[in-house]
Amino acid sequence: MRRIIFIIAALMALNTLQAQQLQFNKDRQFKIVQFTDIHWKANDPNSEIAKACMDSVLDAEKPDLVVYTGDLVYSRPAKIGLDRAFEPVISRHLPFAYVFGNHDDEQDMTRKEIYEYVKQKEGCLMSTTPGITGVSNYTLTIKDPETKKDSFILYCFDSNSYSSAKQTKGYDWIHADQVEWYRKISASFTKQNGNKPMPAMAFFHIPFPEYADASSTDGNELIGTRKETVCCPKVNSGLFQSLLECGDVMATFVGHDHINDYVTYWKGIALGYGRFSGGNTVYNEIPNGNGARVIVLTEGKRSFETWIRLRNKTIINHINFPDDFLHP
């Protein structure tokens, strides 16, 4: 009987958390923690460094939402890696979002199988959009606590894995049908918002080519660590152009490049990396070790604060966007 009661209570808690709405707090703020590139290997003690990092950051920051930007698992069985990667948020009853990296489905589960498995976890806000390339394409909205109306958008994109075309070997890109999906959703939110673009951010794993343009342009300021060349697709599918034209997304945050964690300002949009959150299961020569990016939004403003919280709880690279990039 006690077991039955426990199961019922757990299911009720799961349904409540998954049904909850994200909203700004009474101070009109909302905090996001971004974990990326955990690269969990089952039964490898080096992976426990990633868990220690996540535990430390979550205890220090107490976010409203956690976003995982891909490459969570790096060995079989994938389910063990997924369970361990999400345990820190589930044990704290925190809502979380997840977009795929290029390594997640290289183990023993397809993207669809991973989605179906993760979607059942407590606090998972991940969704999917049928009929377009990729699996982890969806939006989340943050609401005004008084009116309960949408006031901020989080776009989650599946940046896919590897190009299938011989002429463009390397990483895949966010495809034209995904870009068109974004444009339609953005237009709908703009109409809903009195024909004014609603403030938004986007999260995905593989950076698009404009990250390379921004980092290689002389005089363009980068705040944070840059210790490797941008590993982006060879094909530009036009997402950045669409972000400019739609006018809602003020920042994008990615992972993928383990020893980059900078933010830069490119044609009016912040292009940012998360901080490598994994353990010693893959290359990670970033100074001061692993950590996470923290982002604080303020309702109604096209600005935000962000910083890196290291595993030892130190804060580095505090940025006020866009003010810190607007020098006279």
C-alpha atoms as a PDB file:
ATOM      1  CA  MET A   1       0.000   0.000   0.000  1.00  0.00           C
ATOM      2  CA  ARG A   2       2.810   2.434   0.902  1.00  0.00           C
ATOM      3  CA  ARG A   3       4.466   1.715  -2.445  1.00  0.00           C
ATOM      4  CA  ILE A   4       1.222   2.485  -4.293  1.00  0.00           C
ATOM      5  CA  ILE A   5       0.781   5.761  -2.372  1.00  0.00           C
ATOM      6  CA  PHE A   6       4.386   6.725  -3.139  1.00  0.00           C
ATOM      7  CA  ILE A   7       3.934   6.039  -6.858  1.00  0.00           C
ATOM      8  CA  ILE A   8       0.717   8.070  -6.977  1.00  0.00           C
ATOM      9  CA  ALA A   9       2.385  10.976  -5.159  1.00  0.00           C
ATOM     10  CA  ALA A  10       5.367  10.865  -7.526  1.00  0.00           C
ATOM     11  CA  LEU A  11       3.109  10.904 -10.569  1.00  0.00           C
ATOM     12  CA  MET A  12       1.154  13.846  -9.162  1.00  0.00           C
ATOM     13  CA  ALA A  13       4.388  15.766  -8.560  1.00  0.00           C
ATOM     14  CA  LEU A  14       5.554  14.957 -12.081  1.00  0.00           C
ATOM     15  CA  ASN A  15       2.314  16.148 -13.662  1.00  0.00           C
ATOM     16  CA  THR A  16       2.304  19.331 -11.579  1.00  0.00           C
ATOM     17  CA  LEU A  17       5.861  20.257 -12.518  1.00  0.00           C
ATOM     18  CA  GLN A  18       5.416  19.484 -16.192  1.00  0.00           C
ATOM     19  CA  ALA A  19       2.182  21.457 -16.314  1.00  0.00           C
ATOM     20  CA  GLN A  20       3.614  24.488 -14.538  1.00  0.00           C
ATOM     21  CA  GLN A  21       4.119  27.726 -16.396  1.00  0.00           C
ATOM     22  CA  LEU A  22       7.421  29.527 -16.474  1.00  0.00           C
ATOM     23  CA  GLN A  23       6.970  33.065 -15.205  1.00  0.00           C
ATOM     24  CA  PHE A  24       8.953  36.051 -14.011  1.00  0.00           C
ATOM     25  CA  ASN A  25       9.170  36.411 -10.241  1.00  0.00           C
ATOM     26  CA  LYS A  26       7.758  39.258  -8.154  1.00  0.00           C
ATOM     27  CA  ASP A  27      10.919  41.267  -8.888  1.00  0.00           C
ATOM     28  CA  ARG A  28      10.279  40.799 -12.616  1.00  0.00           C
ATOM     29  CA  GLN A  29      13.331  38.618 -13.053  1.00  0.00           C
ATOM     30  CA  PHE A  30      13.962  35.107 -14.335  1.00  0.00           C
ATOM     31  CA  LYS A  31      17.194  33.114 -13.963  1.00  0.00           C
ATOM     32  CA  ILE A  32      18.464  30.468 -16.385  1.00  0.00           C
ATOM     33  CA  VAL A  33      21.421  28.131 -15.860  1.00  0.00           C
ATOM     34  CA  GLN A  34      22.933  26.615 -19.011  1.00  0.00           C
ATOM     35  CA  PHE A  35      24.794  23.305 -18.740  1.00  0.00           C
ATOM     36  CA  THR A  36      26.566  22.040 -21.834  1.00  0.00           C
ATOM     37  CA  ASP A  37      28.782  19.209 -23.076  1.00  0.00           C
ATOM     38  CA  ILE A  38      28.555  16.969 -20.029  1.00  0.00           C
ATOM     39  CA  HIS A  39      29.793  13.967 -22.084  1.00  0.00           C
ATOM     40  CA  TRP A  40      28.751  11.467 -19.414  1.00  0.00           C
ATOM     41  CA  LYS A  41      30.399   8.053 -19.667  1.00  0.00           C
ATOM     42  CA  ALA A  42      28.609   5.284 -17.799  1.00  0.00           C
ATOM     43  CA  ASN A  43      30.661   3.821 -14.950  1.00  0.00           C
ATOM     44  CA  ASP A  44      33.503   6.292 -15.491  1.00  0.00           C
ATOM     45  CA  PRO A  45      34.405   8.089 -12.234  1.00  0.00           C
ATOM     46  CA  ASN A  46      35.596  11.065 -14.279  1.00  0.00           C
ATOM     47  CA  SER A  47      31.942  11.769 -15.042  1.00  0.00           C
ATOM     48  CA  GLU A  48      31.298  12.454 -11.372  1.00  0.00           C
ATOM     49  CA  ILE A  49      33.196  15.728 -11.828  1.00  0.00           C
ATOM     50  CA  ALA A  50      30.297  16.844 -14.017  1.00  0.00           C
ATOM     51  CA  LYS A  51      27.780  15.979 -11.302  1.00  0.00           C
ATOM     52  CA  ALA A  52      29.818  17.876  -8.701  1.00  0.00           C
ATOM     53  CA  CYS A  53      29.811  20.876 -11.024  1.00  0.00           C
ATOM     54  CA  MET A  54      26.055  20.790 -11.576  1.00  0.00           C
ATOM     55  CA  ASP A  55      25.337  20.317  -7.867  1.00  0.00           C
ATOM     56  CA  SER A  56      27.594  23.229  -6.929  1.00  0.00           C
ATOM     57  CA  VAL A  57      26.144  25.614  -9.518  1.00  0.00           C
ATOM     58  CA  LEU A  58      22.529  24.770  -8.734  1.00  0.00           C
ATOM     59  CA  ASP A  59      23.047  25.184  -4.995  1.00  0.00           C
ATOM     60  CA  ALA A  60      24.667  28.581  -5.554  1.00  0.00           C
ATOM     61  CA  GLU A  61      22.282  29.945  -8.193  1.00  0.00           C
ATOM     62  CA  LYS A  62      18.864  28.370  -7.523  1.00  0.00           C
ATOM     63  CA  PRO A  63      17.633  28.994 -11.083  1.00  0.00           C
ATOM     64  CA  ASP A  64      14.100  29.150 -12.416  1.00  0.00           C
ATOM     65  CA  LEU A  65      15.041  26.989 -15.424  1.00  0.00           C
ATOM     66  CA  VAL A  66      17.976  24.828 -16.509  1.00  0.00           C
ATOM     67  CA  VAL A  67      18.811  24.488 -20.220  1.00  0.00           C
ATOM     68  CA  TYR A  68      21.033  21.625 -21.401  1.00  0.00           C
ATOM     69  CA  THR A  69      22.598  22.472 -24.767  1.00  0.00           C
ATOM     70  CA  GLY A  70      23.608  19.041 -25.978  1.00  0.00           C
ATOM     71  CA  ASP A  71      26.249  16.312 -25.825  1.00  0.00           C
ATOM     72  CA  LEU A  72      25.033  14.923 -22.522  1.00  0.00           C
ATOM     73  CA  VAL A  73      26.073  11.306 -23.137  1.00  0.00           C
ATOM     74  CA  TYR A  74      29.284   9.844 -24.537  1.00  0.00           C
ATOM     75  CA  SER A  75      29.004   6.078 -24.023  1.00  0.00           C
ATOM     76  CA  ARG A  76      26.614   3.152 -23.830  1.00  0.00           C
ATOM     77  CA  PRO A  77      24.174   2.603 -22.272  1.00  0.00           C
ATOM     78  CA  ALA A  78      22.900   6.112 -23.000  1.00  0.00           C
ATOM     79  CA  LYS A  79      20.107   5.782 -20.437  1.00  0.00           C
ATOM     80  CA  ILE A  80      22.593   5.698 -17.562  1.00  0.00           C
ATOM     81  CA  GLY A  81      24.247   8.882 -18.809  1.00  0.00           C
ATOM     82  CA  LEU A  82      20.903  10.610 -19.256  1.00  0.00           C
ATOM     83  CA  ASP A  83      19.726   9.568 -15.808  1.00  0.00           C
ATOM     84  CA  ARG A  84      22.896  10.857 -14.173  1.00  0.00           C
ATOM     85  CA  ALA A  85      23.010  14.078 -16.184  1.00  0.00           C
ATOM     86  CA  PHE A  86      19.469  15.023 -15.201  1.00  0.00           C
ATOM     87  CA  GLU A  87      19.623  13.814 -11.590  1.00  0.00           C
ATOM     88  CA  PRO A  88      20.822  17.179 -10.193  1.00  0.00           C
ATOM     89  CA  VAL A  89      17.786  19.049 -11.564  1.00  0.00           C
ATOM     90  CA  ILE A  90      15.269  16.300 -10.848  1.00  0.00           C
ATOM     91  CA  SER A  91      16.400  15.918  -7.235  1.00  0.00           C
ATOM     92  CA  ARG A  92      15.874  19.673  -6.782  1.00  0.00           C
ATOM     93  CA  HIS A  93      12.500  19.631  -8.589  1.00  0.00           C
ATOM     94  CA  LEU A  94      13.662  22.159 -11.182  1.00  0.00           C
ATOM     95  CA  PRO A  95      12.159  22.515 -14.658  1.00  0.00           C
ATOM     96  CA  PHE A  96      14.584  21.878 -17.494  1.00  0.00           C
ATOM     97  CA  ALA A  97      14.881  22.067 -21.270  1.00  0.00           C
ATOM     98  CA  TYR A  98      17.169  20.035 -23.514  1.00  0.00           C
ATOM     99  CA  VAL A  99      18.387  20.375 -27.103  1.00  0.00           C
ATOM    100  CA  PHE A 100      20.439  17.713 -28.858  1.00  0.00           C
ATOM    101  CA  GLY A 101      24.146  17.855 -29.597  1.00  0.00           C
ATOM    102  CA  ASN A 102      25.969  15.886 -32.280  1.00  0.00           C
ATOM    103  CA  HIS A 103      27.064  13.082 -29.913  1.00  0.00           C
ATOM    104  CA  ASP A 104      23.849  12.323 -28.014  1.00  0.00           C
ATOM    105  CA  ASP A 105      22.478   9.825 -30.544  1.00  0.00           C
ATOM    106  CA  GLU A 106      25.813   8.146 -31.335  1.00  0.00           C
ATOM    107  CA  GLN A 107      25.381   5.589 -28.566  1.00  0.00           C
ATOM    108  CA  ASP A 108      22.496   3.106 -28.471  1.00  0.00           C
ATOM    109  CA  MET A 109      19.457   5.392 -28.771  1.00  0.00           C
ATOM    110  CA  THR A 110      18.103   7.459 -31.642  1.00  0.00           C
ATOM    111  CA  ARG A 111      17.130  11.086 -31.208  1.00  0.00           C
ATOM    112  CA  LYS A 112      13.464  10.102 -31.149  1.00  0.00           C
ATOM    113  CA  GLU A 113      14.099   7.387 -28.546  1.00  0.00           C
ATOM    114  CA  ILE A 114      16.041   9.812 -26.369  1.00  0.00           C
ATOM    115  CA  TYR A 115      13.249  12.366 -26.648  1.00  0.00           C
ATOM    116  CA  GLU A 116      10.586   9.829 -25.665  1.00  0.00           C
ATOM    117  CA  TYR A 117      12.688   8.710 -22.686  1.00  0.00           C
ATOM    118  CA  VAL A 118      13.645  12.171 -21.417  1.00  0.00           C
ATOM    119  CA  LYS A 119      10.168  13.633 -21.934  1.00  0.00           C
ATOM    120  CA  GLN A 120       8.839  11.387 -19.154  1.00  0.00           C
ATOM    121  CA  LYS A 121      11.255  12.735 -16.562  1.00  0.00           C
ATOM    122  CA  GLU A 122      10.053  15.029 -13.797  1.00  0.00           C
ATOM    123  CA  GLY A 123      10.399  18.679 -14.762  1.00  0.00           C
ATOM    124  CA  CYS A 124      11.148  18.065 -18.441  1.00  0.00           C
ATOM    125  CA  LEU A 125       9.737  20.853 -20.614  1.00  0.00           C
ATOM    126  CA  MET A 126      11.253  19.490 -23.813  1.00  0.00           C
ATOM    127  CA  SER A 127       8.954  19.216 -26.809  1.00  0.00           C
ATOM    128  CA  THR A 128       9.186  18.510 -30.531  1.00  0.00           C
ATOM    129  CA  THR A 129       7.779  19.920 -33.754  1.00  0.00           C
ATOM    130  CA  PRO A 130       6.753  17.218 -36.253  1.00  0.00           C
ATOM    131  CA  GLY A 131       7.362  17.714 -39.952  1.00  0.00           C
ATOM    132  CA  ILE A 132      10.651  19.625 -39.829  1.00  0.00           C
ATOM    133  CA  THR A 133      14.294  18.576 -39.664  1.00  0.00           C
ATOM    134  CA  GLY A 134      15.506  17.477 -36.233  1.00  0.00           C
ATOM    135  CA  VAL A 135      13.714  16.499 -33.055  1.00  0.00           C
ATOM    136  CA  SER A 136      14.467  19.130 -30.389  1.00  0.00           C
ATOM    137  CA  ASN A 137      12.780  22.120 -32.063  1.00  0.00           C
ATOM    138  CA  TYR A 138      10.307  23.866 -29.772  1.00  0.00           C
ATOM    139  CA  THR A 139       9.536  27.061 -27.900  1.00  0.00           C
ATOM    140  CA  LEU A 140       9.038  27.896 -24.243  1.00  0.00           C
ATOM    141  CA  THR A 141       7.489  31.120 -23.026  1.00  0.00           C
ATOM    142  CA  ILE A 142       7.943  33.036 -19.797  1.00  0.00           C
ATOM    143  CA  LYS A 143       4.795  34.745 -18.590  1.00  0.00           C
ATOM    144  CA  ASP A 144       3.931  37.938 -16.788  1.00  0.00           C
ATOM    145  CA  PRO A 145       3.049  36.790 -13.230  1.00  0.00           C
ATOM    146  CA  GLU A 146       0.060  39.134 -13.043  1.00  0.00           C
ATOM    147  CA  THR A 147      -1.546  38.979 -16.475  1.00  0.00           C
ATOM    148  CA  LYS A 148      -0.331  35.413 -17.225  1.00  0.00           C
ATOM    149  CA  LYS A 149       0.399  36.577 -20.771  1.00  0.00           C
ATOM    150  CA  ASP A 150       3.518  35.533 -22.651  1.00  0.00           C
ATOM    151  CA  SER A 151       6.248  38.147 -22.306  1.00  0.00           C
ATOM    152  CA  PHE A 152       9.466  36.348 -23.322  1.00  0.00           C
ATOM    153  CA  ILE A 153      10.284  33.513 -25.753  1.00  0.00           C
ATOM    154  CA  LEU A 154      12.942  30.822 -25.560  1.00  0.00           C
ATOM    155  CA  TYR A 155      13.568  29.205 -28.950  1.00  0.00           C
ATOM    156  CA  CYS A 156      15.137  25.750 -28.787  1.00  0.00           C
ATOM    157  CA  PHE A 157      16.677  24.429 -32.009  1.00  0.00           C
ATOM    158  CA  ASP A 158      18.011  21.030 -32.995  1.00  0.00           C
ATOM    159  CA  SER A 159      21.323  21.901 -34.698  1.00  0.00           C
ATOM    160  CA  ASN A 160      21.515  18.313 -35.984  1.00  0.00           C
ATOM    161  CA  SER A 161      24.781  16.361 -36.253  1.00  0.00           C
ATOM    162  CA  TYR A 162      26.831  15.858 -39.423  1.00  0.00           C
ATOM    163  CA  SER A 163      26.335  16.820 -43.039  1.00  0.00           C
ATOM    164  CA  SER A 164      25.134  14.012 -45.278  1.00  0.00           C
ATOM    165  CA  ALA A 165      26.407  15.752 -48.421  1.00  0.00           C
ATOM    166  CA  LYS A 166      29.847  14.732 -49.736  1.00  0.00           C
ATOM    167  CA  GLN A 167      30.475  18.275 -50.947  1.00  0.00           C
ATOM    168  CA  THR A 168      30.026  19.739 -47.463  1.00  0.00           C
ATOM    169  CA  LYS A 169      31.589  17.279 -45.060  1.00  0.00           C
ATOM    170  CA  GLY A 170      31.602  18.326 -41.442  1.00  0.00           C
ATOM    171  CA  TYR A 171      28.893  19.500 -39.103  1.00  0.00           C
ATOM    172  CA  ASP A 172      25.272  19.792 -40.122  1.00  0.00           C
ATOM    173  CA  TRP A 173      23.316  23.018 -39.938  1.00  0.00           C
ATOM    174  CA  ILE A 174      19.912  24.277 -38.878  1.00  0.00           C
ATOM    175  CA  HIS A 175      17.940  23.576 -42.046  1.00  0.00           C
ATOM    176  CA  ALA A 176      15.726  25.829 -44.156  1.00  0.00           C
ATOM    177  CA  ASP A 177      12.514  24.223 -42.885  1.00  0.00           C
ATOM    178  CA  GLN A 178      13.611  24.903 -39.283  1.00  0.00           C
ATOM    179  CA  VAL A 179      14.366  28.519 -40.172  1.00  0.00           C
ATOM    180  CA  GLU A 180      10.954  28.860 -41.805  1.00  0.00           C
ATOM    181  CA  TRP A 181       9.336  27.345 -38.692  1.00  0.00           C
ATOM    182  CA  TYR A 182      11.105  29.961 -36.575  1.00  0.00           C
ATOM    183  CA  ARG A 183       9.963  32.798 -38.854  1.00  0.00           C
ATOM    184  CA  LYS A 184       6.329  31.692 -38.657  1.00  0.00           C
ATOM    185  CA  ILE A 185       6.407  31.271 -34.872  1.00  0.00           C
ATOM    186  CA  SER A 186       8.152  34.627 -34.454  1.00  0.00           C
ATOM    187  CA  ALA A 187       5.573  36.369 -36.634  1.00  0.00           C
ATOM    188  CA  SER A 188       2.783  34.825 -34.574  1.00  0.00           C
ATOM    189  CA  PHE A 189       4.292  36.048 -31.297  1.00  0.00           C
ATOM    190  CA  THR A 190       4.889  39.507 -32.801  1.00  0.00           C
ATOM    191  CA  LYS A 191       1.240  39.738 -33.815  1.00  0.00           C
ATOM    192  CA  GLN A 192       0.202  38.570 -30.343  1.00  0.00           C
ATOM    193  CA  ASN A 193       2.410  41.314 -28.869  1.00  0.00           C
ATOM    194  CA  GLY A 194       0.705  44.202 -30.676  1.00  0.00           C
ATOM    195  CA  ASN A 195       2.929  43.866 -33.767  1.00  0.00           C
ATOM    196  CA  LYS A 196       6.043  44.494 -31.688  1.00  0.00           C
ATOM    197  CA  PRO A 197       8.696  41.725 -31.555  1.00  0.00           C
ATOM    198  CA  MET A 198       8.550  39.941 -28.214  1.00  0.00           C
ATOM    199  CA  PRO A 199      11.968  39.707 -26.472  1.00  0.00           C
ATOM    200  CA  ALA A 200      13.554  36.305 -27.038  1.00  0.00           C
ATOM    201  CA  MET A 201      16.659  34.120 -26.816  1.00  0.00           C
ATOM    202  CA  ALA A 202      17.683  30.990 -28.696  1.00  0.00           C
ATOM    203  CA  PHE A 203      19.546  27.886 -27.487  1.00  0.00           C
ATOM    204  CA  PHE A 204      21.181  25.201 -29.648  1.00  0.00           C
ATOM    205  CA  HIS A 205      24.389  23.145 -29.714  1.00  0.00           C
ATOM    206  CA  ILE A 206      26.481  23.786 -32.837  1.00  0.00           C
ATOM    207  CA  PRO A 207      27.278  27.474 -33.481  1.00  0.00           C
ATOM    208  CA  PHE A 208      26.287  28.902 -36.851  1.00  0.00           C
ATOM    209  CA  PRO A 209      28.890  30.521 -39.173  1.00  0.00           C
ATOM    210  CA  GLU A 210      28.356  34.037 -37.819  1.00  0.00           C
ATOM    211  CA  TYR A 211      30.120  32.938 -34.638  1.00  0.00           C
ATOM    212  CA  ALA A 212      33.244  32.464 -36.769  1.00  0.00           C
ATOM    213  CA  ASP A 213      32.718  35.823 -38.492  1.00  0.00           C
ATOM    214  CA  ALA A 214      32.372  37.621 -35.164  1.00  0.00           C
ATOM    215  CA  SER A 215      35.379  35.969 -33.511  1.00  0.00           C
ATOM    216  CA  SER A 216      37.709  36.549 -36.474  1.00  0.00           C
ATOM    217  CA  THR A 217      36.847  40.203 -37.111  1.00  0.00           C
ATOM    218  CA  ASP A 218      39.545  42.578 -35.901  1.00  0.00           C
ATOM    219  CA  GLY A 219      38.335  44.914 -33.176  1.00  0.00           C
ATOM    220  CA  ASN A 220      35.181  42.953 -32.375  1.00  0.00           C
ATOM    221  CA  GLU A 221      35.102  42.545 -28.598  1.00  0.00           C
ATOM    222  CA  LEU A 222      34.860  39.119 -26.982  1.00  0.00           C
ATOM    223  CA  ILE A 223      34.201  38.858 -23.231  1.00  0.00           C
ATOM    224  CA  GLY A 224      35.315  35.514 -21.837  1.00  0.00           C
ATOM    225  CA  THR A 225      37.572  32.685 -22.956  1.00  0.00           C
ATOM    226  CA  ARG A 226      38.421  31.876 -26.579  1.00  0.00           C
ATOM    227  CA  LYS A 227      40.921  29.041 -26.930  1.00  0.00           C
ATOM    228  CA  GLU A 228      39.709  27.262 -30.064  1.00  0.00           C
ATOM    229  CA  THR A 229      38.451  28.050 -33.539  1.00  0.00           C
ATOM    230  CA  VAL A 230      34.677  28.040 -33.964  1.00  0.00           C
ATOM    231  CA  CYS A 231      33.571  24.555 -35.088  1.00  0.00           C
ATOM    232  CA  CYS A 232      30.609  25.502 -37.249  1.00  0.00           C
ATOM    233  CA  PRO A 233      28.976  24.163 -40.423  1.00  0.00           C
ATOM    234  CA  LYS A 234      30.403  24.997 -43.832  1.00  0.00           C
ATOM    235  CA  VAL A 235      26.908  25.918 -45.009  1.00  0.00           C
ATOM    236  CA  ASN A 236      25.079  29.033 -43.879  1.00  0.00           C
ATOM    237  CA  SER A 237      21.340  28.336 -43.908  1.00  0.00           C
ATOM    238  CA  GLY A 238      20.324  31.893 -43.060  1.00  0.00           C
ATOM    239  CA  LEU A 239      19.178  31.578 -39.451  1.00  0.00           C
ATOM    240  CA  PHE A 240      21.134  34.618 -38.301  1.00  0.00           C
ATOM    241  CA  GLN A 241      19.685  36.689 -41.136  1.00  0.00           C
ATOM    242  CA  SER A 242      16.199  35.622 -40.088  1.00  0.00           C
ATOM    243  CA  LEU A 243      16.919  36.551 -36.468  1.00  0.00           C
ATOM    244  CA  LEU A 244      17.880  40.042 -37.639  1.00  0.00           C
ATOM    245  CA  GLU A 245      14.811  40.395 -39.829  1.00  0.00           C
ATOM    246  CA  CYS A 246      12.336  39.114 -37.253  1.00  0.00           C
ATOM    247  CA  GLY A 247      13.868  41.309 -34.563  1.00  0.00           C
ATOM    248  CA  ASP A 248      12.919  39.305 -31.493  1.00  0.00           C
ATOM    249  CA  VAL A 249      16.014  37.246 -30.550  1.00  0.00           C
ATOM    250  CA  MET A 250      18.569  39.362 -28.700  1.00  0.00           C
ATOM    251  CA  ALA A 251      20.989  36.513 -27.903  1.00  0.00           C
ATOM    252  CA  THR A 252      21.907  32.980 -28.874  1.00  0.00           C
ATOM    253  CA  PHE A 253      23.743  30.525 -26.610  1.00  0.00           C
ATOM    254  CA  VAL A 254      25.475  27.364 -27.794  1.00  0.00           C
ATOM    255  CA  GLY A 255      27.949  24.716 -26.610  1.00  0.00           C
ATOM    256  CA  HIS A 256      30.050  22.350 -28.746  1.00  0.00           C
ATOM    257  CA  ASP A 257      33.420  24.162 -28.458  1.00  0.00           C
ATOM    258  CA  HIS A 258      34.641  23.048 -25.035  1.00  0.00           C
ATOM    259  CA  ILE A 259      37.256  25.725 -24.459  1.00  0.00           C
ATOM    260  CA  ASN A 260      35.228  28.722 -25.588  1.00  0.00           C
ATOM    261  CA  ASP A 261      32.863  30.480 -23.198  1.00  0.00           C
ATOM    262  CA  TYR A 262      32.793  34.042 -24.518  1.00  0.00           C
ATOM    263  CA  VAL A 263      29.992  36.399 -25.470  1.00  0.00           C
ATOM    264  CA  THR A 264      30.323  38.852 -28.332  1.00  0.00           C
ATOM    265  CA  TYR A 265      28.091  41.491 -29.936  1.00  0.00           C
ATOM    266  CA  TRP A 266      27.444  40.959 -33.626  1.00  0.00           C
ATOM    267  CA  LYS A 267      25.155  43.240 -35.623  1.00  0.00           C
ATOM    268  CA  GLY A 268      22.939  43.878 -32.600  1.00  0.00           C
ATOM    269  CA  ILE A 269      22.703  40.298 -31.314  1.00  0.00           C
ATOM    270  CA  ALA A 270      24.727  38.644 -28.545  1.00  0.00           C
ATOM    271  CA  LEU A 271      26.437  35.458 -29.714  1.00  0.00           C
ATOM    272  CA  GLY A 272      27.406  33.470 -26.634  1.00  0.00           C
ATOM    273  CA  TYR A 273      28.764  30.154 -25.472  1.00  0.00           C
ATOM    274  CA  GLY A 274      27.928  28.234 -22.351  1.00  0.00           C
ATOM    275  CA  ARG A 275      30.709  27.010 -20.070  1.00  0.00           C
ATOM    276  CA  PHE A 276      31.906  23.436 -20.429  1.00  0.00           C
ATOM    277  CA  SER A 277      30.122  21.525 -17.633  1.00  0.00           C
ATOM    278  CA  GLY A 278      31.572  18.042 -18.119  1.00  0.00           C
ATOM    279  CA  GLY A 279      34.258  15.983 -16.459  1.00  0.00           C
ATOM    280  CA  ASN A 280      37.531  14.503 -17.676  1.00  0.00           C
ATOM    281  CA  THR A 281      35.921  12.233 -20.261  1.00  0.00           C
ATOM    282  CA  VAL A 282      36.776  14.506 -23.200  1.00  0.00           C
ATOM    283  CA  TYR A 283      39.062  17.469 -23.950  1.00  0.00           C
ATOM    284  CA  ASN A 284      38.436  20.364 -21.544  1.00  0.00           C
ATOM    285  CA  GLU A 285      41.509  22.565 -21.231  1.00  0.00           C
ATOM    286  CA  ILE A 286      39.518  25.632 -20.270  1.00  0.00           C
ATOM    287  CA  PRO A 287      41.178  27.727 -17.537  1.00  0.00           C
ATOM    288  CA  ASN A 288      39.798  27.241 -13.997  1.00  0.00           C
ATOM    289  CA  GLY A 289      37.841  24.114 -14.853  1.00  0.00           C
ATOM    290  CA  ASN A 290      34.202  23.398 -15.566  1.00  0.00           C
ATOM    291  CA  GLY A 291      31.154  25.482 -14.723  1.00  0.00           C
ATOM    292  CA  ALA A 292      27.969  26.883 -16.227  1.00  0.00           C
ATOM    293  CA  ARG A 293      26.560  30.007 -17.775  1.00  0.00           C
ATOM    294  CA  VAL A 294      23.986  31.956 -15.782  1.00  0.00           C
ATOM    295  CA  ILE A 295      21.543  34.337 -17.478  1.00  0.00           C
ATOM    296  CA  VAL A 296      19.203  36.740 -15.686  1.00  0.00           C
ATOM    297  CA  LEU A 297      16.325  38.274 -17.650  1.00  0.00           C
ATOM    298  CA  THR A 298      14.276  41.290 -16.632  1.00  0.00           C
ATOM    299  CA  GLU A 299      10.702  41.390 -17.867  1.00  0.00           C
ATOM    300  CA  GLY A 300       9.996  43.939 -20.567  1.00  0.00           C
ATOM    301  CA  LYS A 301      13.644  44.722 -21.270  1.00  0.00           C
ATOM    302  CA  ARG A 302      15.794  43.830 -24.257  1.00  0.00           C
ATOM    303  CA  SER A 303      18.786  43.417 -21.996  1.00  0.00           C
ATOM    304  CA  PHE A 304      20.138  40.807 -19.597  1.00  0.00           C
ATOM    305  CA  GLU A 305      22.899  39.983 -17.160  1.00  0.00           C
ATOM    306  CA  THR A 306      25.089  36.947 -17.563  1.00  0.00           C
ATOM    307  CA  TRP A 307      28.129  35.406 -15.899  1.00  0.00           C
ATOM    308  CA  ILE A 308      30.046  32.160 -15.539  1.00  0.00           C
ATOM    309  CA  ARG A 309      29.689  30.258 -12.265  1.00  0.00           C
ATOM    310  CA  LEU A 310      32.607  27.868 -11.781  1.00  0.00           C
ATOM    311  CA  ARG A 311      32.422  24.554  -9.961  1.00  0.00           C
ATOM    312  CA  ASN A 312      34.240  26.137  -6.995  1.00  0.00           C
ATOM    313  CA  LYS A 313      31.382  28.704  -6.919  1.00  0.00           C
ATOM    314  CA  THR A 314      33.570  31.593  -8.130  1.00  0.00           C
ATOM    315  CA  ILE A 315      31.896  34.055 -10.517  1.00  0.00           C
ATOM    316  CA  ILE A 316      33.808  35.285 -13.582  1.00  0.00           C
ATOM    317  CA  ASN A 317      33.031  37.289 -16.726  1.00  0.00           C
ATOM    318  CA  HIS A 318      30.017  39.242 -15.463  1.00  0.00           C
ATOM    319  CA  ILE A 319      28.336  41.013 -18.401  1.00  0.00           C
ATOM    320  CA  ASN A 320      25.532  43.536 -18.661  1.00  0.00           C
ATOM    321  CA  PHE A 321      24.157  43.224 -22.179  1.00  0.00           C
ATOM    322  CA  PRO A 322      24.194  45.334 -24.292  1.00  0.00           C
ATOM    323  CA  ASP A 323      25.752  48.103 -22.173  1.00  0.00           C
ATOM    324  CA  ASP A 324      29.156  46.445 -21.787  1.00  0.00           C
ATOM    325  CA  PHE A 325      29.539  46.334 -25.570  1.00  0.00           C
ATOM    326  CA  LEU A 326      28.341  49.885 -26.306  1.00  0.00           C
ATOM    327  CA  HIS A 327      31.506  51.900 -25.829  1.00  0.00           C
ATOM    328  CA  PRO A 328      31.497  55.612 -26.780  1.00  0.00           C
END
